[in-house]
Amino acid sequence: MLQSIGEHIWIEEYPFEFIGVVLGRRMTVIRLTDGNLFLHSPGEMTDDRKECLESLGSVGYIMAPARFHDLFLDGAIRAFPSSEHHAIRPIFSRFSSRAKTFILSEQMVPPWGAEIEHHDFRAGPFHSETVFFHRESQSLLLADLCFCLSDRTLMTQLVGRALGVSNRFAPTRDIRFWTTGCRQELRASIEMVLKWPFTRIIPAHGEIVPENGRQVFREAFRWA
């Protein structure tokens, strides 16, 4: 069920495993000043989840901010047909025939822009992600850019150590490899994010960073 983590912001966490690795999934919901809801990385839209969201407001905007974060987008679109749907370019074509579906890009001027900023984070040729900053809650919203796996199951610990994200908040090691030839672009994105005065980081997987978010984010990319 949805859990309030501040005024006008909620999260819902639910199980998610991939090849035995316990990743978990997290949807973030923000209520804008006009009453519309902003959904980041929507979960499976069950009847209970739909009813719970409708009790908070009208779902206006649904985000698919990274690859594989569109797994439940079809269900969300069917549940809330009057909402706008925004997906990053690599997955946009799957939904381009749907009404009110747009490419998620920092070139757009979004209707939520007065309350939530966004940036197309450049982390190499194979990682496409749009990150968000919610001003009111001082929260940075991520999909897969960085996370911290703390589950104690053997497979999760082994994979987490291999990726460099076991019990520490960090980007996965493959991002280091794929950004070797484009560190200037990476550093520009890091600097852009660090301009935002966030204190909390809410990734779609793993543990939330509840405080000192800018310091934690800066340390995660110190190698860049």
C-alpha atoms as a PDB file:
ATOM      1  CA  MET A   1       0.000   0.000   0.000  1.00  0.00           C
ATOM      2  CA  LEU A   2       0.993   3.604  -0.476  1.00  0.00           C
ATOM      3  CA  GLN A   3       3.110   5.060   2.312  1.00  0.00           C
ATOM      4  CA  SER A   4       3.293   8.797   2.978  1.00  0.00           C
ATOM      5  CA  ILE A   5       6.891  10.025   3.293  1.00  0.00           C
ATOM      6  CA  GLY A   6       6.089  13.730   3.399  1.00  0.00           C
ATOM      7  CA  GLU A   7       3.467  16.254   2.477  1.00  0.00           C
ATOM      8  CA  HIS A   8       2.107  15.457  -0.999  1.00  0.00           C
ATOM      9  CA  ILE A   9       4.525  12.574  -1.662  1.00  0.00           C
ATOM     10  CA  TRP A  10       4.039   8.811  -1.291  1.00  0.00           C
ATOM     11  CA  ILE A  11       5.877   5.625  -2.203  1.00  0.00           C
ATOM     12  CA  GLU A  12       4.749   2.062  -2.730  1.00  0.00           C
ATOM     13  CA  GLU A  13       7.205  -0.811  -2.525  1.00  0.00           C
ATOM     14  CA  TYR A  14       6.576  -4.294  -3.846  1.00  0.00           C
ATOM     15  CA  PRO A  15       8.605  -7.460  -4.480  1.00  0.00           C
ATOM     16  CA  PHE A  16      10.677  -7.808  -7.624  1.00  0.00           C
ATOM     17  CA  GLU A  17      13.325 -10.441  -8.346  1.00  0.00           C
ATOM     18  CA  PHE A  18      15.496 -10.948 -11.407  1.00  0.00           C
ATOM     19  CA  ILE A  19      17.416 -14.227 -11.808  1.00  0.00           C
ATOM     20  CA  GLY A  20      17.314 -14.703  -8.052  1.00  0.00           C
ATOM     21  CA  VAL A  21      18.478 -11.183  -7.213  1.00  0.00           C
ATOM     22  CA  VAL A  22      16.137  -9.357  -4.829  1.00  0.00           C
ATOM     23  CA  LEU A  23      15.843  -5.871  -6.319  1.00  0.00           C
ATOM     24  CA  GLY A  24      12.427  -4.734  -5.160  1.00  0.00           C
ATOM     25  CA  ARG A  25      10.472  -2.047  -7.022  1.00  0.00           C
ATOM     26  CA  ARG A  26       9.296   1.345  -5.835  1.00  0.00           C
ATOM     27  CA  MET A  27       6.694   3.661  -7.330  1.00  0.00           C
ATOM     28  CA  THR A  28       6.740   7.302  -6.237  1.00  0.00           C
ATOM     29  CA  VAL A  29       3.582   9.403  -6.303  1.00  0.00           C
ATOM     30  CA  ILE A  30       3.522  13.200  -6.032  1.00  0.00           C
ATOM     31  CA  ARG A  31       0.401  15.330  -5.734  1.00  0.00           C
ATOM     32  CA  LEU A  32       0.823  18.605  -7.573  1.00  0.00           C
ATOM     33  CA  THR A  33      -0.755  21.866  -6.449  1.00  0.00           C
ATOM     34  CA  ASP A  34      -3.548  21.516  -9.031  1.00  0.00           C
ATOM     35  CA  GLY A  35      -4.521  18.145  -7.526  1.00  0.00           C
ATOM     36  CA  ASN A  36      -3.110  16.017 -10.335  1.00  0.00           C
ATOM     37  CA  LEU A  37      -0.923  13.036  -9.422  1.00  0.00           C
ATOM     38  CA  PHE A  38       2.522  12.454 -10.915  1.00  0.00           C
ATOM     39  CA  LEU A  39       3.496   8.752 -11.049  1.00  0.00           C
ATOM     40  CA  HIS A  40       7.166   7.802 -11.318  1.00  0.00           C
ATOM     41  CA  SER A  41       7.862   4.210 -12.467  1.00  0.00           C
ATOM     42  CA  PRO A  42       4.312   2.863 -12.037  1.00  0.00           C
ATOM     43  CA  GLY A  43       3.700  -0.561 -10.567  1.00  0.00           C
ATOM     44  CA  GLU A  44       1.190  -3.176 -11.659  1.00  0.00           C
ATOM     45  CA  MET A  45      -2.170  -1.411 -11.640  1.00  0.00           C
ATOM     46  CA  THR A  46      -4.327  -3.675  -9.500  1.00  0.00           C
ATOM     47  CA  ASP A  47      -7.865  -2.647  -8.538  1.00  0.00           C
ATOM     48  CA  ASP A  48      -6.692  -1.890  -4.981  1.00  0.00           C
ATOM     49  CA  ARG A  49      -3.780   0.242  -6.195  1.00  0.00           C
ATOM     50  CA  LYS A  50      -6.021   2.126  -8.625  1.00  0.00           C
ATOM     51  CA  GLU A  51      -8.575   2.824  -5.892  1.00  0.00           C
ATOM     52  CA  CYS A  52      -5.859   3.987  -3.512  1.00  0.00           C
ATOM     53  CA  LEU A  53      -4.427   6.400  -6.085  1.00  0.00           C
ATOM     54  CA  GLU A  54      -7.852   7.782  -6.918  1.00  0.00           C
ATOM     55  CA  SER A  55      -8.372   8.535  -3.225  1.00  0.00           C
ATOM     56  CA  LEU A  56      -5.372  10.894  -3.402  1.00  0.00           C
ATOM     57  CA  GLY A  57      -6.303  12.771  -6.559  1.00  0.00           C
ATOM     58  CA  SER A  58      -6.607  12.506 -10.322  1.00  0.00           C
ATOM     59  CA  VAL A  59      -3.716  10.717 -12.042  1.00  0.00           C
ATOM     60  CA  GLY A  60      -2.476  13.286 -14.532  1.00  0.00           C
ATOM     61  CA  TYR A  61       1.050  12.236 -15.524  1.00  0.00           C
ATOM     62  CA  ILE A  62       2.698   8.810 -15.719  1.00  0.00           C
ATOM     63  CA  MET A  63       6.489   8.512 -16.182  1.00  0.00           C
ATOM     64  CA  ALA A  64       8.503   5.673 -17.732  1.00  0.00           C
ATOM     65  CA  PRO A  65      11.934   7.182 -16.930  1.00  0.00           C
ATOM     66  CA  ALA A  66      14.231   4.312 -17.975  1.00  0.00           C
ATOM     67  CA  ARG A  67      14.366   1.018 -19.842  1.00  0.00           C
ATOM     68  CA  PHE A  68      12.294  -1.728 -18.173  1.00  0.00           C
ATOM     69  CA  HIS A  69      10.370   0.880 -16.209  1.00  0.00           C
ATOM     70  CA  ASP A  70       7.603   0.639 -18.769  1.00  0.00           C
ATOM     71  CA  LEU A  71       6.700  -2.950 -17.777  1.00  0.00           C
ATOM     72  CA  PHE A  72       3.426  -1.836 -16.207  1.00  0.00           C
ATOM     73  CA  LEU A  73       2.823   1.264 -18.308  1.00  0.00           C
ATOM     74  CA  ASP A  74       0.136  -0.394 -20.456  1.00  0.00           C
ATOM     75  CA  GLY A  75      -1.883  -1.250 -17.369  1.00  0.00           C
ATOM     76  CA  ALA A  76      -1.511   2.264 -15.985  1.00  0.00           C
ATOM     77  CA  ILE A  77      -2.634   3.762 -19.299  1.00  0.00           C
ATOM     78  CA  ARG A  78      -5.724   1.556 -19.330  1.00  0.00           C
ATOM     79  CA  ALA A  79      -6.499   2.395 -15.703  1.00  0.00           C
ATOM     80  CA  PHE A  80      -6.119   6.154 -16.239  1.00  0.00           C
ATOM     81  CA  PRO A  81      -6.980   6.851 -19.911  1.00  0.00           C
ATOM     82  CA  SER A  82      -7.215  10.619 -19.451  1.00  0.00           C
ATOM     83  CA  SER A  83      -3.644  10.903 -18.108  1.00  0.00           C
ATOM     84  CA  GLU A  84      -0.550  11.931 -20.048  1.00  0.00           C
ATOM     85  CA  HIS A  85       2.169   9.303 -20.511  1.00  0.00           C
ATOM     86  CA  HIS A  86       5.836  10.253 -20.843  1.00  0.00           C
ATOM     87  CA  ALA A  87       8.518   7.730 -21.829  1.00  0.00           C
ATOM     88  CA  ILE A  88      12.212   8.062 -22.642  1.00  0.00           C
ATOM     89  CA  ARG A  89      13.047   7.913 -26.338  1.00  0.00           C
ATOM     90  CA  PRO A  90      14.369   4.289 -26.472  1.00  0.00           C
ATOM     91  CA  ILE A  91      11.003   2.909 -25.351  1.00  0.00           C
ATOM     92  CA  PHE A  92       8.689   5.612 -26.705  1.00  0.00           C
ATOM     93  CA  SER A  93       7.967   3.752 -29.966  1.00  0.00           C
ATOM     94  CA  ARG A  94       6.152   1.002 -28.043  1.00  0.00           C
ATOM     95  CA  PHE A  95       3.539   3.520 -26.929  1.00  0.00           C
ATOM     96  CA  SER A  96       3.645   6.186 -29.647  1.00  0.00           C
ATOM     97  CA  SER A  97       0.277   5.145 -31.085  1.00  0.00           C
ATOM     98  CA  ARG A  98      -1.428   5.867 -27.764  1.00  0.00           C
ATOM     99  CA  ALA A  99      -3.150   9.202 -27.292  1.00  0.00           C
ATOM    100  CA  LYS A 100      -1.447  11.666 -24.939  1.00  0.00           C
ATOM    101  CA  THR A 101       1.898   9.847 -25.103  1.00  0.00           C
ATOM    102  CA  PHE A 102       5.035  11.995 -25.308  1.00  0.00           C
ATOM    103  CA  ILE A 103       8.805  11.606 -25.445  1.00  0.00           C
ATOM    104  CA  LEU A 104      10.323  12.376 -22.059  1.00  0.00           C
ATOM    105  CA  SER A 105      13.082  14.876 -22.763  1.00  0.00           C
ATOM    106  CA  GLU A 106      14.632  17.890 -21.084  1.00  0.00           C
ATOM    107  CA  GLN A 107      13.845  19.867 -24.255  1.00  0.00           C
ATOM    108  CA  MET A 108      10.127  19.721 -23.410  1.00  0.00           C
ATOM    109  CA  VAL A 109       8.351  22.273 -21.229  1.00  0.00           C
ATOM    110  CA  PRO A 110       6.279  20.002 -18.979  1.00  0.00           C
ATOM    111  CA  PRO A 111       3.066  21.007 -17.225  1.00  0.00           C
ATOM    112  CA  TRP A 112       4.615  19.912 -13.923  1.00  0.00           C
ATOM    113  CA  GLY A 113       7.763  22.001 -14.447  1.00  0.00           C
ATOM    114  CA  ALA A 114       6.968  24.584 -11.765  1.00  0.00           C
ATOM    115  CA  GLU A 115       7.159  21.851  -9.106  1.00  0.00           C
ATOM    116  CA  ILE A 116       9.292  19.041 -10.535  1.00  0.00           C
ATOM    117  CA  GLU A 117      12.471  19.558 -12.567  1.00  0.00           C
ATOM    118  CA  HIS A 118      13.955  16.875 -14.798  1.00  0.00           C
ATOM    119  CA  HIS A 119      17.217  16.108 -16.579  1.00  0.00           C
ATOM    120  CA  ASP A 120      18.253  13.543 -19.204  1.00  0.00           C
ATOM    121  CA  PHE A 121      21.197  12.010 -17.361  1.00  0.00           C
ATOM    122  CA  ARG A 122      24.041  11.048 -19.713  1.00  0.00           C
ATOM    123  CA  ALA A 123      25.669   7.869 -18.436  1.00  0.00           C
ATOM    124  CA  GLY A 124      26.980   6.286 -21.610  1.00  0.00           C
ATOM    125  CA  PRO A 125      25.398   4.806 -24.742  1.00  0.00           C
ATOM    126  CA  PHE A 126      23.444   2.030 -23.024  1.00  0.00           C
ATOM    127  CA  HIS A 127      21.958   3.819 -20.026  1.00  0.00           C
ATOM    128  CA  SER A 128      19.078   6.162 -20.815  1.00  0.00           C
ATOM    129  CA  GLU A 129      17.352   7.710 -17.838  1.00  0.00           C
ATOM    130  CA  THR A 130      15.527  10.891 -16.943  1.00  0.00           C
ATOM    131  CA  VAL A 131      15.984  11.944 -13.316  1.00  0.00           C
ATOM    132  CA  PHE A 132      13.625  14.233 -11.388  1.00  0.00           C
ATOM    133  CA  PHE A 133      13.825  16.722  -8.543  1.00  0.00           C
ATOM    134  CA  HIS A 134      10.701  17.490  -6.497  1.00  0.00           C
ATOM    135  CA  ARG A 135      11.197  20.898  -4.966  1.00  0.00           C
ATOM    136  CA  GLU A 136       8.686  20.727  -2.106  1.00  0.00           C
ATOM    137  CA  SER A 137      10.003  17.468  -0.615  1.00  0.00           C
ATOM    138  CA  GLN A 138      13.626  18.109  -1.715  1.00  0.00           C
ATOM    139  CA  SER A 139      13.666  14.617  -3.241  1.00  0.00           C
ATOM    140  CA  LEU A 140      15.747  13.269  -6.123  1.00  0.00           C
ATOM    141  CA  LEU A 141      13.897  10.519  -8.024  1.00  0.00           C
ATOM    142  CA  LEU A 142      15.988   7.869  -9.791  1.00  0.00           C
ATOM    143  CA  ALA A 143      15.180   4.676 -11.690  1.00  0.00           C
ATOM    144  CA  ASP A 144      18.337   2.581 -12.209  1.00  0.00           C
ATOM    145  CA  LEU A 145      21.111   5.189 -12.201  1.00  0.00           C
ATOM    146  CA  CYS A 146      22.200   4.367  -8.638  1.00  0.00           C
ATOM    147  CA  PHE A 147      20.929   2.109  -5.894  1.00  0.00           C
ATOM    148  CA  CYS A 148      21.950   0.136  -2.815  1.00  0.00           C
ATOM    149  CA  LEU A 149      21.108  -3.560  -2.379  1.00  0.00           C
ATOM    150  CA  SER A 150      20.943  -4.648   1.245  1.00  0.00           C
ATOM    151  CA  ASP A 151      19.072  -7.958   0.984  1.00  0.00           C
ATOM    152  CA  ARG A 152      21.065 -10.740   2.663  1.00  0.00           C
ATOM    153  CA  THR A 153      20.232 -13.597   0.281  1.00  0.00           C
ATOM    154  CA  LEU A 154      23.339 -15.159  -1.234  1.00  0.00           C
ATOM    155  CA  MET A 155      22.589 -14.391  -4.894  1.00  0.00           C
ATOM    156  CA  THR A 156      21.709 -10.761  -4.138  1.00  0.00           C
ATOM    157  CA  GLN A 157      24.926 -10.272  -2.157  1.00  0.00           C
ATOM    158  CA  LEU A 158      27.072 -11.902  -4.850  1.00  0.00           C
ATOM    159  CA  VAL A 159      25.570  -9.901  -7.699  1.00  0.00           C
ATOM    160  CA  GLY A 160      25.488  -6.740  -5.611  1.00  0.00           C
ATOM    161  CA  ARG A 161      29.210  -7.041  -4.886  1.00  0.00           C
ATOM    162  CA  ALA A 162      29.973  -7.720  -8.539  1.00  0.00           C
ATOM    163  CA  LEU A 163      28.030  -4.608  -9.560  1.00  0.00           C
ATOM    164  CA  GLY A 164      29.468  -2.496  -6.733  1.00  0.00           C
ATOM    165  CA  VAL A 165      26.082  -1.763  -5.111  1.00  0.00           C
ATOM    166  CA  SER A 166      26.025  -4.199  -2.186  1.00  0.00           C
ATOM    167  CA  ASN A 167      25.301  -2.197   0.970  1.00  0.00           C
ATOM    168  CA  ARG A 168      26.469   1.015  -0.651  1.00  0.00           C
ATOM    169  CA  PHE A 169      24.698   3.616  -2.782  1.00  0.00           C
ATOM    170  CA  ALA A 170      26.427   3.762  -6.152  1.00  0.00           C
ATOM    171  CA  PRO A 171      26.023   3.423  -9.910  1.00  0.00           C
ATOM    172  CA  THR A 172      26.673  -0.075 -11.203  1.00  0.00           C
ATOM    173  CA  ARG A 173      30.215  -0.787 -12.387  1.00  0.00           C
ATOM    174  CA  ASP A 174      29.158  -1.140 -16.020  1.00  0.00           C
ATOM    175  CA  ILE A 175      28.388   2.599 -16.057  1.00  0.00           C
ATOM    176  CA  ARG A 176      32.044   3.278 -15.234  1.00  0.00           C
ATOM    177  CA  PHE A 177      33.078   1.133 -18.199  1.00  0.00           C
ATOM    178  CA  TRP A 178      30.614   2.558 -20.737  1.00  0.00           C
ATOM    179  CA  THR A 179      31.388   6.183 -19.801  1.00  0.00           C
ATOM    180  CA  THR A 180      35.159   5.818 -20.255  1.00  0.00           C
ATOM    181  CA  GLY A 181      35.046   7.751 -23.522  1.00  0.00           C
ATOM    182  CA  CYS A 182      32.393  10.289 -22.521  1.00  0.00           C
ATOM    183  CA  ARG A 183      33.330  11.405 -19.011  1.00  0.00           C
ATOM    184  CA  GLN A 184      32.829  15.062 -19.914  1.00  0.00           C
ATOM    185  CA  GLU A 185      29.139  14.454 -20.634  1.00  0.00           C
ATOM    186  CA  LEU A 186      28.834  12.362 -17.480  1.00  0.00           C
ATOM    187  CA  ARG A 187      30.411  15.080 -15.332  1.00  0.00           C
ATOM    188  CA  ALA A 188      28.076  17.683 -16.866  1.00  0.00           C
ATOM    189  CA  SER A 189      25.079  15.579 -15.822  1.00  0.00           C
ATOM    190  CA  ILE A 190      26.501  15.070 -12.325  1.00  0.00           C
ATOM    191  CA  GLU A 191      27.025  18.804 -11.946  1.00  0.00           C
ATOM    192  CA  MET A 192      23.513  19.489 -13.222  1.00  0.00           C
ATOM    193  CA  VAL A 193      21.968  17.168 -10.619  1.00  0.00           C
ATOM    194  CA  LEU A 194      24.126  18.602  -7.830  1.00  0.00           C
ATOM    195  CA  LYS A 195      22.700  22.053  -8.530  1.00  0.00           C
ATOM    196  CA  TRP A 196      19.400  20.809  -7.147  1.00  0.00           C
ATOM    197  CA  PRO A 197      19.077  21.237  -3.344  1.00  0.00           C
ATOM    198  CA  PHE A 198      17.864  17.708  -2.629  1.00  0.00           C
ATOM    199  CA  THR A 199      18.282  16.059   0.737  1.00  0.00           C
ATOM    200  CA  ARG A 200      16.630  12.696   0.011  1.00  0.00           C
ATOM    201  CA  ILE A 201      17.183  10.213  -2.825  1.00  0.00           C
ATOM    202  CA  ILE A 202      14.362   7.875  -3.858  1.00  0.00           C
ATOM    203  CA  PRO A 203      15.588   5.181  -6.269  1.00  0.00           C
ATOM    204  CA  ALA A 204      13.208   2.681  -7.868  1.00  0.00           C
ATOM    205  CA  HIS A 205      15.202  -0.215  -6.356  1.00  0.00           C
ATOM    206  CA  GLY A 206      17.017  -0.800  -3.084  1.00  0.00           C
ATOM    207  CA  GLU A 207      17.262   1.504  -0.110  1.00  0.00           C
ATOM    208  CA  ILE A 208      16.112   5.113   0.093  1.00  0.00           C
ATOM    209  CA  VAL A 209      18.762   7.669   1.077  1.00  0.00           C
ATOM    210  CA  PRO A 210      16.790   9.650   3.723  1.00  0.00           C
ATOM    211  CA  GLU A 211      19.225  12.517   4.327  1.00  0.00           C
ATOM    212  CA  ASN A 212      22.471  14.141   3.103  1.00  0.00           C
ATOM    213  CA  GLY A 213      21.461  13.153  -0.429  1.00  0.00           C
ATOM    214  CA  ARG A 214      23.719  15.588  -2.271  1.00  0.00           C
ATOM    215  CA  GLN A 215      26.768  14.447  -0.326  1.00  0.00           C
ATOM    216  CA  VAL A 216      25.898  10.778  -0.917  1.00  0.00           C
ATOM    217  CA  PHE A 217      25.326  11.383  -4.654  1.00  0.00           C
ATOM    218  CA  ARG A 218      28.584  13.315  -4.998  1.00  0.00           C
ATOM    219  CA  GLU A 219      30.500  10.519  -3.265  1.00  0.00           C
ATOM    220  CA  ALA A 220      28.860   7.876  -5.485  1.00  0.00           C
ATOM    221  CA  PHE A 221      30.323   9.580  -8.575  1.00  0.00           C
ATOM    222  CA  ARG A 222      33.627  10.696  -7.036  1.00  0.00           C
ATOM    223  CA  TRP A 223      35.504   8.449  -9.518  1.00  0.00           C
ATOM    224  CA  ALA A 224      34.156  10.447 -12.479  1.00  0.00           C
END
